[in-house]
Protein backbone atom coordinates (compact mmCIF):
# COMPACT_ATOMS: atom_id res chain seq x y z
CA MET A 1 30.89 -35.34 -177.89
CA ALA A 2 27.88 -33.87 -176.10
CA ARG A 3 28.39 -30.75 -174.05
CA ARG A 4 27.09 -30.59 -170.54
CA ARG A 5 25.07 -27.61 -169.56
CA MET A 6 26.02 -25.91 -166.36
CA ALA A 7 23.16 -25.61 -163.92
CA ALA A 8 21.94 -22.09 -163.34
CA PRO A 9 23.19 -20.56 -160.09
CA ASP A 10 20.81 -20.99 -157.18
CA PRO A 11 20.11 -17.50 -155.79
CA SER A 12 18.90 -18.86 -152.44
CA PHE A 13 22.14 -20.78 -151.95
CA ASP A 14 24.17 -17.73 -152.97
CA ARG A 15 22.27 -15.77 -150.30
CA GLU A 16 23.02 -18.42 -147.67
CA VAL A 17 26.70 -18.34 -148.55
CA ALA A 18 26.71 -14.53 -148.35
CA LEU A 19 25.07 -14.73 -144.91
CA ALA A 20 27.60 -17.37 -143.84
CA ILE A 21 30.47 -15.01 -144.75
CA GLY A 22 28.79 -12.25 -142.73
CA ILE A 23 28.47 -14.57 -139.75
CA ALA A 24 32.11 -15.64 -140.03
CA ARG A 25 33.22 -12.00 -140.24
CA ARG A 26 31.40 -11.18 -137.04
CA LEU A 27 33.06 -14.11 -135.29
CA ARG A 28 36.51 -12.67 -136.12
CA ARG A 29 36.20 -8.97 -135.41
CA PRO A 30 37.32 -6.44 -136.50
CA MET A 31 36.94 -6.54 -140.28
CA LYS A 32 40.64 -5.91 -140.84
CA THR A 33 41.49 -8.98 -138.77
CA PHE A 34 39.00 -11.15 -140.63
CA ALA A 35 40.17 -9.95 -144.06
CA PHE A 36 43.83 -10.45 -143.08
CA GLU A 37 43.24 -13.98 -141.75
CA LEU A 38 41.11 -14.90 -144.74
CA ARG A 39 43.72 -13.55 -147.17
CA ARG A 40 46.49 -15.46 -145.37
CA GLU A 41 44.46 -18.69 -145.36
CA LEU A 42 43.67 -18.31 -149.07
CA GLY A 43 47.27 -17.51 -149.95
CA TRP A 44 46.16 -14.38 -151.79
CA GLU A 45 48.35 -11.31 -152.02
CA SER A 46 45.45 -9.02 -151.25
CA LEU A 47 41.87 -9.08 -150.08
CA SER A 48 40.15 -5.81 -149.34
CA SER A 49 37.47 -5.20 -146.77
CA ARG A 50 35.38 -3.91 -149.67
CA ALA A 51 35.60 -7.29 -151.39
CA VAL A 52 34.34 -9.04 -148.25
CA TYR A 53 31.50 -6.53 -147.92
CA SER A 54 30.55 -7.10 -151.56
CA TRP A 55 30.36 -10.86 -150.89
CA GLU A 56 28.14 -10.26 -147.87
CA SER A 57 25.79 -7.94 -149.72
CA GLY A 58 25.47 -10.23 -152.72
CA GLU A 59 27.13 -7.73 -155.06
CA ALA A 60 29.70 -10.43 -155.86
CA ARG A 61 29.53 -14.19 -155.56
CA VAL A 62 31.55 -15.76 -152.78
CA PRO A 63 34.31 -18.01 -154.12
CA ALA A 64 33.95 -21.52 -152.70
CA VAL A 65 37.52 -21.37 -151.40
CA ALA A 66 36.64 -18.23 -149.43
CA LEU A 67 33.82 -20.04 -147.62
CA LEU A 68 36.20 -22.89 -146.79
CA ALA A 69 38.81 -20.41 -145.53
CA ALA A 70 36.20 -18.53 -143.48
CA ALA A 71 35.21 -21.77 -141.79
CA LYS A 72 38.83 -22.51 -140.98
CA VAL A 73 39.65 -19.08 -139.51
CA THR A 74 36.52 -19.15 -137.35
CA ALA A 75 37.09 -22.76 -136.22
CA ARG A 76 33.63 -23.68 -137.50
CA SER A 77 32.62 -26.10 -140.20
CA VAL A 78 31.09 -24.90 -143.45
CA ASP A 79 27.95 -26.78 -142.41
CA GLN A 80 27.79 -24.86 -139.13
CA LEU A 81 28.13 -21.50 -140.90
CA LEU A 82 25.50 -22.41 -143.50
CA GLU A 83 23.10 -23.80 -140.89
CA THR A 84 23.37 -20.59 -138.87
CA ALA A 85 22.74 -18.62 -142.07
CA ARG A 86 19.64 -20.72 -142.82
CA ARG A 87 18.25 -20.17 -139.33
CA MET A 88 18.86 -16.43 -139.55
CA GLU A 89 17.16 -16.30 -142.93
CA ILE A 90 14.12 -18.19 -141.60
CA TRP A 91 13.90 -15.77 -138.67
CA GLY A 92 14.31 -12.82 -141.03
CA LEU A 93 17.53 -11.74 -139.37
CA PHE A 94 20.77 -10.65 -140.96
CA PRO A 95 24.26 -10.58 -139.41
CA GLY A 96 24.61 -7.65 -137.06
CA GLU A 97 20.91 -7.47 -136.16
């Protein structure tokens, strides 16, 4: 049986997802509220503010389920968050600027 090779991660998409998390976080201020709502939506026992910051900065990859949960807690679609991230990236802006 032939093995399938996994495609290499796309750094530009990872960056868009990181920006989308940053946008979602700013829609649900403060950080503690966002982290709490995200943790509750994910069904995780814990989620630190540091973990969310590491997703935003690109230090850690954003789990797909976290992007879905962020969309739900902000009442936006994943597409809306990613489109906003793409526009910000084109304009050279980052969340908070």
